[in-house]
Amino acid sequence: PGGSYKKIGYYDSTKDDLSWSKTDKWIGGSPPADQTLVIKTFRFLSQKLFISVSVLSSLGIVLAVVCLSFNIYNSHVRYIQNSQPNLNNLTAVGCSLALAAVFPLGLDGYHIGRSQFPFICQARLWLLGLGFSLGYGSMFTKIWWVHTVFTKKEEKKEWRKTLEPWKLYATVGLLVGLDVLTLTIWQIVDPLHRTIETFAKEEPKEDIDVSILPQLEHCSSKKMNTWLGIFYGYKGLLLLLGIFLAYETKSVSTEKINDHRAVGMAIYNVAVLCLITAPVTMILSSQQDAAFAFASLAIVFSSYITLVVLFVPKMRRLITRGEWQSEAQDTMKTGSSTNNHEEEKSRLLEKENRELEKIIAEKEERVSELRHQLQSRQQLRSRRPPLTPPEGPGVLPRGPPELPDRLSCDGSRVHLLYK
């Protein structure tokens, strides 16, 4: 009741033929769904967060380049030379690589295609691994060297003197080589690739016939936990050992590495941030914004702290005290080439030699004069007749004469005196 039938088609059962008149109209413009429609959507990183962190990372790379340029330009300054500038250069390069790793960390399906994802995964791993080995490894090597040299027992002094700078670079090379070997084996045996994490379906309020299936892209491999255990375990031991060595050498003072206290402070900050961030990011791996924020900000802050602690005091000292100007002027005076330097050095030595010869001549003249005076005195003494007292009985013995006391002199003594 209240409605009427409309003819919208004809079905011929003998011929099994359906003729549709196409005069039907559906509510909403389409026929009702016979099942719930599932729509797959990817969860992408917040672009505001990615841009903000990328700006910080870019500024950090600029700071690292400035510090590296400053260190290379002033490598002739004694104060910079006593801080092992080559190791500081490696620290700046390592911070740059670590900061550069922030960019691939924030790239996902919103920016790149599926075929490019494995390359981005490898870029994340290699930049972080090499950045850590160069940046932290060079600081760890400094602290290890200070601890080895200045905390040994007295009987090992001779061995301590044999520790040469090339051994420092060899230690950093060993740490980098170990990382390269581990990452190469990982990439060949079990390479990282794109994996998808699927979450529970979400039912939108505005459409009861549609379900949203959230998905999240990850970089993973078949034995991801095993490789992360090896990687994090090795790095964690280095961090803990670095904290121990920094604490042990906090009271050591040496001119060969004059910034080891600043290195120790940087190690404290890097170690604390890394030891906190690594497990937190693993727990928050399903929350892309939180995981990226923790990982990227830890990289940015640790790099900033390292660069500021190591290089800013050097810049301040050289600028305020003018050491770089005076030494640069000395370098200009002595010449840019080795020959000019040697000529200047020879000229100064010749001048000093002439002054010393003049002083020696004056001293010899004075010595000759004193010898002449001494000979004159000896000749005068030899011309004087010797004073000998008369010999005989009743004569006083030789020696200085004693004056008699007028009140207590006896007759015999008076007789002898006035004889």
Protein backbone atom coordinates (compact mmCIF):
# COMPACT_ATOMS: atom_id res chain seq x y z
CA PRO A 1 0.00 0.00 0.00
CA GLY A 2 1.10 3.54 -0.70
CA GLY A 3 3.20 2.48 -3.69
CA SER A 4 2.97 1.22 -7.21
CA TYR A 5 4.91 -1.16 -9.37
CA LYS A 6 6.95 0.14 -12.27
CA LYS A 7 8.08 -1.95 -15.21
CA ILE A 8 11.89 -1.70 -15.47
CA GLY A 9 12.60 -4.81 -17.52
CA TYR A 10 11.34 -8.05 -19.11
CA TYR A 11 12.70 -11.56 -18.59
CA ASP A 12 12.00 -14.32 -21.17
CA SER A 13 12.37 -17.62 -19.36
CA THR A 14 12.16 -19.69 -22.53
CA LYS A 15 15.12 -17.90 -24.03
CA ASP A 16 16.77 -17.03 -20.71
CA ASP A 17 17.00 -13.42 -21.80
CA LEU A 18 16.76 -10.28 -19.65
CA SER A 19 15.86 -6.98 -21.29
CA TRP A 20 16.58 -3.94 -19.11
CA SER A 21 14.67 -0.77 -19.79
CA LYS A 22 17.11 1.43 -17.75
CA THR A 23 14.36 3.52 -16.26
CA ASP A 24 15.26 2.63 -12.65
CA LYS A 25 16.49 5.22 -10.17
CA TRP A 26 18.44 4.30 -6.98
CA ILE A 27 18.50 6.26 -3.78
CA GLY A 28 21.90 7.89 -3.67
CA GLY A 29 22.45 7.35 -7.37
CA SER A 30 23.85 3.79 -7.08
CA PRO A 31 22.56 0.38 -6.09
CA PRO A 32 23.07 -0.64 -2.45
CA ALA A 33 26.30 -2.53 -1.61
CA ASP A 34 26.02 -6.23 -1.03
CA GLN A 35 29.10 -6.13 1.31
CA THR A 36 31.25 -3.65 3.25
CA LEU A 37 33.79 -1.90 1.04
CA VAL A 38 37.34 -2.02 2.47
CA ILE A 39 39.58 0.91 1.49
CA LYS A 40 43.34 0.59 2.08
CA THR A 41 45.05 3.81 3.15
CA PHE A 42 48.68 4.41 4.08
CA ARG A 43 49.72 6.36 7.12
CA PHE A 44 52.27 8.92 6.03
CA LEU A 45 54.60 11.05 8.10
CA SER A 46 53.40 14.51 9.06
CA GLN A 47 54.83 16.89 6.49
CA LYS A 48 55.08 19.76 8.98
CA LEU A 49 57.21 17.60 11.26
CA PHE A 50 59.36 16.40 8.36
CA ILE A 51 59.99 19.92 7.05
CA SER A 52 60.79 21.29 10.52
CA VAL A 53 63.32 18.58 11.30
CA SER A 54 64.79 18.82 7.80
CA VAL A 55 65.46 22.52 8.33
CA LEU A 56 67.22 21.79 11.63
CA SER A 57 69.24 19.05 9.98
CA SER A 58 70.23 21.33 7.10
CA LEU A 59 71.41 24.02 9.51
CA GLY A 60 73.39 21.38 11.38
CA ILE A 61 75.12 20.30 8.17
CA VAL A 62 76.01 23.94 7.49
CA LEU A 63 77.42 24.21 11.02
CA ALA A 64 79.47 21.05 10.50
CA VAL A 65 80.89 22.43 7.24
CA VAL A 66 81.79 25.70 8.98
CA CYS A 67 83.53 23.82 11.81
CA LEU A 68 85.39 21.63 9.34
CA SER A 69 86.52 24.64 7.30
CA PHE A 70 87.62 26.47 10.45
CA ASN A 71 89.64 23.48 11.63
CA ILE A 72 91.36 23.00 8.28
CA TYR A 73 92.09 26.71 7.81
CA ASN A 74 93.65 27.04 11.29
CA SER A 75 95.45 23.70 11.27
CA HIS A 76 98.81 25.53 11.53
CA VAL A 77 97.87 27.10 14.89
CA ARG A 78 99.56 25.33 17.78
CA TYR A 79 96.39 25.27 19.89
CA ILE A 80 94.52 23.51 17.08
CA GLN A 81 97.42 21.15 16.43
CA ASN A 82 97.38 20.05 20.07
CA SER A 83 93.74 18.95 19.74
CA GLN A 84 94.40 16.30 17.07
CA PRO A 85 92.65 18.27 14.28
CA ASN A 86 92.39 15.30 11.92
CA LEU A 87 90.24 13.44 14.44
CA ASN A 88 88.10 16.55 14.89
CA ASN A 89 87.69 16.71 11.12
CA LEU A 90 86.41 13.12 11.16
CA THR A 91 83.98 14.08 13.93
CA ALA A 92 82.58 16.93 11.80
CA VAL A 93 82.24 14.62 8.78
CA GLY A 94 80.51 11.99 10.90
CA CYS A 95 78.03 14.54 12.25
CA SER A 96 77.28 15.63 8.67
CA LEU A 97 76.55 12.05 7.59
CA ALA A 98 74.34 11.44 10.62
CA LEU A 99 72.40 14.65 9.96
CA ALA A 100 72.03 13.69 6.31
CA ALA A 101 70.40 10.43 7.44
CA VAL A 102 67.42 12.45 8.71
CA PHE A 103 66.20 13.02 5.15
CA PRO A 104 65.82 9.35 4.11
CA LEU A 105 64.37 8.60 7.55
CA GLY A 106 61.44 10.88 6.71
CA LEU A 107 60.85 9.64 3.16
CA ASP A 108 57.91 7.28 2.65
CA GLY A 109 55.33 6.43 0.01
CA TYR A 110 54.16 10.04 0.00
CA HIS A 111 57.43 11.08 -1.66
CA ILE A 112 58.84 8.00 -3.40
CA GLY A 113 57.61 5.00 -5.33
CA ARG A 114 57.67 1.37 -4.34
CA SER A 115 60.72 0.59 -6.50
CA GLN A 116 62.81 3.29 -4.78
CA PHE A 117 62.06 2.11 -1.27
CA PRO A 118 64.90 -0.47 -0.95
CA PHE A 119 67.46 2.17 -1.93
CA ILE A 120 66.11 4.56 0.72
CA CYS A 121 66.27 1.79 3.32
CA GLN A 122 69.93 1.13 2.56
CA ALA A 123 70.70 4.86 2.57
CA ARG A 124 69.26 5.17 6.08
CA LEU A 125 71.38 2.31 7.36
CA TRP A 126 74.66 3.31 5.75
CA LEU A 127 74.44 7.00 6.62
CA LEU A 128 73.63 6.29 10.25
CA GLY A 129 76.24 3.55 10.58
CA LEU A 130 79.11 5.45 8.99
CA GLY A 131 78.10 8.72 10.64
CA PHE A 132 78.20 7.09 14.06
CA SER A 133 81.51 5.34 13.39
CA LEU A 134 83.23 8.52 12.19
CA GLY A 135 81.64 10.97 14.62
CA TYR A 136 81.57 8.94 17.81
CA GLY A 137 84.47 6.68 16.85
CA SER A 138 86.92 9.58 16.55
CA MET A 139 85.90 10.92 19.98
CA PHE A 140 86.09 7.44 21.49
CA THR A 141 89.59 7.04 20.06
CA LYS A 142 90.73 10.27 21.74
CA ILE A 143 89.42 9.21 25.13
CA TRP A 144 90.88 5.73 24.72
CA TRP A 145 94.29 7.22 23.87
CA VAL A 146 94.25 9.55 26.89
CA HIS A 147 93.20 6.70 29.17
CA THR A 148 95.84 4.35 27.76
CA VAL A 149 98.69 6.86 28.02
CA PHE A 150 97.97 8.62 31.30
CA THR A 151 96.47 5.91 33.50
CA LYS A 152 99.13 3.21 33.00
CA LYS A 153 101.42 2.16 35.79
CA GLU A 154 104.89 3.59 36.20
CA GLU A 155 106.65 0.50 34.87
CA LYS A 156 104.91 0.96 31.51
CA LYS A 157 106.21 4.45 30.78
CA GLU A 158 108.41 3.28 27.95
CA TRP A 159 105.48 1.59 26.26
CA ARG A 160 103.40 4.72 26.70
CA LYS A 161 105.87 6.78 24.73
CA THR A 162 105.54 4.52 21.69
CA LEU A 163 101.86 5.34 21.11
CA GLU A 164 101.93 7.43 17.93
CA PRO A 165 99.18 9.48 16.22
CA TRP A 166 98.87 7.03 13.33
CA LYS A 167 97.54 4.50 15.80
CA LEU A 168 94.62 6.85 16.50
CA TYR A 169 93.70 6.95 12.83
CA ALA A 170 94.12 3.19 12.61
CA THR A 171 91.65 2.77 15.48
CA VAL A 172 89.04 4.93 13.74
CA GLY A 173 89.68 3.01 10.53
CA LEU A 174 89.13 -0.25 12.40
CA LEU A 175 85.76 0.93 13.74
CA VAL A 176 84.67 2.14 10.30
CA GLY A 177 85.90 -1.05 8.65
CA LEU A 178 83.96 -3.17 11.12
CA ASP A 179 80.80 -1.22 10.29
CA VAL A 180 81.40 -1.52 6.55
CA LEU A 181 81.92 -5.27 6.87
CA THR A 182 78.77 -5.75 8.98
CA LEU A 183 76.59 -3.60 6.72
CA THR A 184 77.92 -5.26 3.57
CA ILE A 185 77.15 -8.75 4.87
CA TRP A 186 73.71 -7.58 5.99
CA GLN A 187 72.98 -6.04 2.61
CA ILE A 188 74.08 -9.15 0.70
CA VAL A 189 72.66 -11.88 2.92
CA ASP A 190 69.43 -10.28 4.12
CA PRO A 191 68.82 -6.94 2.35
CA LEU A 192 66.32 -4.43 3.62
CA HIS A 193 63.11 -4.09 1.64
CA ARG A 194 59.67 -2.54 1.87
CA THR A 195 57.24 -4.24 4.23
CA ILE A 196 53.70 -3.25 5.13
CA GLU A 197 52.21 -3.30 8.61
CA THR A 198 48.42 -3.61 8.65
CA PHE A 199 46.33 -2.24 11.50
CA ALA A 200 42.78 -2.91 12.64
CA LYS A 201 39.96 -1.69 10.42
CA GLU A 202 38.44 1.68 11.17
CA GLU A 203 34.74 2.39 10.63
CA PRO A 204 34.06 5.95 9.46
CA LYS A 205 30.99 7.55 10.98
CA GLU A 206 29.75 9.12 7.74
CA ASP A 207 29.57 5.88 5.72
CA ILE A 208 28.42 2.62 7.27
CA ASP A 209 29.18 0.58 4.14
CA VAL A 210 32.91 1.48 4.07
CA SER A 211 35.81 0.33 6.29
CA ILE A 212 39.26 1.93 6.38
CA LEU A 213 42.27 -0.42 6.55
CA PRO A 214 45.32 1.60 7.74
CA GLN A 215 48.73 0.45 6.57
CA LEU A 216 52.25 1.61 7.36
CA GLU A 217 55.44 1.15 5.36
CA HIS A 218 58.60 -0.12 7.05
CA CYS A 219 62.17 -0.99 6.13
CA SER A 220 62.69 -4.55 7.27
CA SER A 221 64.29 -7.89 6.45
CA LYS A 222 63.70 -11.54 7.29
CA LYS A 223 66.04 -11.58 10.30
CA MET A 224 65.70 -7.94 11.22
CA ASN A 225 65.79 -8.51 14.99
CA THR A 226 69.01 -10.53 14.75
CA TRP A 227 70.81 -7.87 12.74
CA LEU A 228 69.55 -5.09 15.00
CA GLY A 229 70.72 -7.06 18.03
CA ILE A 230 74.23 -7.35 16.58
CA PHE A 231 74.31 -3.71 15.49
CA TYR A 232 72.84 -2.22 18.66
CA GLY A 233 74.86 -4.54 20.89
CA TYR A 234 78.16 -3.50 19.33
CA LYS A 235 77.28 0.19 19.39
CA GLY A 236 75.94 -0.03 22.92
CA LEU A 237 79.19 -1.52 24.21
CA LEU A 238 81.12 1.32 22.58
CA LEU A 239 78.82 3.87 24.20
CA LEU A 240 79.16 2.34 27.67
CA LEU A 241 82.92 1.98 27.31
CA GLY A 242 83.13 5.59 26.16
CA ILE A 243 81.26 6.75 29.27
CA PHE A 244 83.64 4.75 31.47
CA LEU A 245 86.77 6.12 29.78
CA ALA A 246 85.44 9.68 29.90
CA TYR A 247 84.83 9.33 33.64
CA GLU A 248 88.25 7.81 34.25
CA THR A 249 90.06 10.63 32.42
CA LYS A 250 88.07 13.58 33.75
CA SER A 251 90.97 14.72 35.97
CA VAL A 252 93.75 14.09 33.44
CA SER A 253 95.53 17.11 31.98
CA THR A 254 97.57 16.83 28.79
CA GLU A 255 98.68 19.19 26.04
CA LYS A 256 98.77 16.50 23.34
CA ILE A 257 94.97 16.37 23.35
CA ASN A 258 93.89 19.63 24.97
CA ASP A 259 90.16 19.13 24.33
CA HIS A 260 89.68 15.67 25.85
CA ARG A 261 87.41 17.08 28.57
CA ALA A 262 85.13 18.56 25.90
CA VAL A 263 85.24 15.21 24.11
CA GLY A 264 84.18 13.49 27.33
CA MET A 265 81.24 15.86 27.71
CA ALA A 266 80.17 15.19 24.12
CA ILE A 267 80.43 11.44 24.71
CA TYR A 268 78.16 11.71 27.76
CA ASN A 269 75.47 13.50 25.75
CA VAL A 270 75.68 11.23 22.70
CA ALA A 271 75.65 8.08 24.81
CA VAL A 272 72.64 9.12 26.89
CA LEU A 273 70.61 10.19 23.85
CA CYS A 274 71.43 7.03 21.88
CA LEU A 275 70.81 4.64 24.77
CA ILE A 276 67.40 6.21 25.37
CA THR A 277 66.34 6.71 21.77
CA ALA A 278 67.18 3.26 20.36
CA PRO A 279 64.73 1.25 22.52
CA VAL A 280 62.07 3.97 22.42
CA THR A 281 62.00 4.06 18.61
CA MET A 282 61.67 0.27 18.50
CA ILE A 283 58.68 0.45 20.85
CA LEU A 284 57.08 3.31 18.89
CA SER A 285 57.78 1.82 15.44
CA SER A 286 54.04 1.62 14.70
CA GLN A 287 53.60 5.34 15.36
CA GLN A 288 55.39 6.98 12.46
CA ASP A 289 55.34 10.56 13.77
CA ALA A 290 56.55 9.74 17.27
CA ALA A 291 59.24 7.32 16.06
CA PHE A 292 60.58 9.80 13.52
CA ALA A 293 60.53 12.65 16.03
CA PHE A 294 62.51 10.67 18.62
CA ALA A 295 65.08 9.33 16.16
CA SER A 296 65.62 12.51 14.15
CA LEU A 297 65.73 14.89 17.11
CA ALA A 298 68.20 12.62 18.91
CA ILE A 299 70.45 12.75 15.84
CA VAL A 300 70.07 16.53 15.52
CA PHE A 301 70.66 17.31 19.19
CA SER A 302 73.62 14.95 19.60
CA SER A 303 75.26 16.37 16.47
CA TYR A 304 74.64 19.98 17.54
CA ILE A 305 76.00 19.33 21.04
CA THR A 306 79.10 17.59 19.67
CA LEU A 307 79.90 20.37 17.20
CA VAL A 308 79.28 23.17 19.68
CA VAL A 309 81.23 21.57 22.53
CA LEU A 310 84.24 20.67 20.38
CA PHE A 311 84.59 23.62 18.00
CA VAL A 312 82.96 26.73 19.48
CA PRO A 313 85.49 27.06 22.37
CA LYS A 314 88.33 26.85 19.83
CA MET A 315 86.74 29.54 17.67
CA ARG A 316 86.19 31.77 20.68
CA ARG A 317 89.76 31.36 21.92
CA LEU A 318 91.38 32.06 18.57
CA ILE A 319 89.16 35.08 17.90
CA THR A 320 89.34 36.68 21.36
CA ARG A 321 93.06 36.09 21.91
CA GLY A 322 94.06 36.74 18.32
CA GLU A 323 96.26 33.62 18.16
CA TRP A 324 95.24 32.92 14.61
CA GLN A 325 96.23 36.44 13.56
CA SER A 326 99.66 36.40 15.19
CA GLU A 327 100.54 32.98 13.88
CA ALA A 328 99.22 33.86 10.45
CA GLN A 329 101.41 36.95 10.43
CA ASP A 330 104.42 34.90 11.50
CA THR A 331 103.70 32.53 8.67
CA MET A 332 103.53 35.44 6.21
CA LYS A 333 106.83 36.82 7.47
CA THR A 334 108.71 33.56 7.25
CA GLY A 335 107.36 32.87 3.78
CA SER A 336 104.96 30.38 2.39
CA SER A 337 107.63 28.00 1.16
CA THR A 338 110.06 25.81 3.05
CA ASN A 339 113.09 27.56 1.52
CA ASN A 340 111.98 30.96 2.79
CA HIS A 341 111.44 29.51 6.22
CA GLU A 342 114.91 27.98 6.26
CA GLU A 343 116.50 31.23 5.09
CA GLU A 344 114.77 33.19 7.82
CA LYS A 345 115.82 30.63 10.38
CA SER A 346 119.45 30.77 9.18
CA ARG A 347 119.44 34.56 9.33
CA LEU A 348 118.20 34.54 12.91
CA LEU A 349 120.81 31.96 13.89
CA GLU A 350 123.59 34.00 12.31
CA LYS A 351 122.46 37.10 14.16
CA GLU A 352 122.36 35.21 17.43
CA ASN A 353 125.82 33.77 16.69
CA ARG A 354 127.30 37.24 16.15
CA GLU A 355 125.84 38.48 19.41
CA LEU A 356 127.25 35.51 21.28
CA GLU A 357 130.70 36.02 19.70
CA LYS A 358 130.64 39.64 20.82
CA ILE A 359 129.77 38.63 24.37
CA ILE A 360 132.51 36.00 24.37
CA ALA A 361 135.10 38.56 23.18
CA GLU A 362 134.13 40.94 25.98
CA LYS A 363 134.40 38.15 28.54
CA GLU A 364 137.83 37.10 27.23
CA GLU A 365 139.06 40.69 27.43
CA ARG A 366 137.88 40.93 31.02
CA VAL A 367 139.56 37.63 31.89
CA SER A 368 142.85 38.85 30.35
CA GLU A 369 142.67 42.06 32.36
CA LEU A 370 142.07 40.16 35.60
CA ARG A 371 144.99 37.85 34.87
CA HIS A 372 147.27 40.86 34.32
CA GLN A 373 146.22 42.37 37.66
CA LEU A 374 146.83 39.08 39.40
CA GLN A 375 150.36 38.78 37.96
CA SER A 376 151.17 42.33 39.08
CA ARG A 377 150.11 41.59 42.64
CA GLN A 378 152.17 38.42 42.70
CA GLN A 379 155.30 40.31 41.51
CA LEU A 380 154.87 42.95 44.23
CA ARG A 381 154.64 40.25 46.89
CA SER A 382 157.76 38.50 45.67
CA ARG A 383 159.85 41.75 45.99
CA ARG A 384 159.04 42.28 49.71
CA PRO A 385 161.72 40.96 52.22
CA PRO A 386 160.38 38.35 54.59
CA LEU A 387 159.86 39.46 58.21
CA THR A 388 161.80 36.96 60.44
CA PRO A 389 162.12 37.42 64.23
CA PRO A 390 165.63 37.20 65.93
CA GLU A 391 166.56 33.79 67.20
CA GLY A 392 168.04 33.13 70.65
CA PRO A 393 167.18 32.31 74.22
CA GLY A 394 164.56 34.37 75.91
CA VAL A 395 162.95 35.47 72.69
CA LEU A 396 159.20 35.22 72.34
CA PRO A 397 157.87 32.66 69.89
CA ARG A 398 156.81 33.72 66.38
CA GLY A 399 153.42 35.14 66.04
CA PRO A 400 151.62 38.40 66.54
CA PRO A 401 153.10 40.37 69.46
CA GLU A 402 150.95 40.74 72.52
CA LEU A 403 150.73 44.16 74.12
CA PRO A 404 151.33 44.05 77.88
CA ASP A 405 148.74 45.12 80.29
CA ARG A 406 150.04 48.10 82.29
CA LEU A 407 148.31 46.99 85.44
CA SER A 408 149.35 43.35 85.47
CA CYS A 409 152.82 43.01 83.91
CA ASP A 410 155.62 41.23 85.71
CA GLY A 411 159.30 42.25 85.70
CA SER A 412 160.62 39.47 83.53
CA ARG A 413 158.25 40.25 80.72
CA VAL A 414 159.11 43.94 80.94
CA HIS A 415 162.77 43.10 80.85
CA LEU A 416 162.33 41.08 77.71
CA LEU A 417 160.25 43.69 75.99
CA TYR A 418 162.65 46.56 76.63
CA LYS A 419 165.90 44.78 76.24
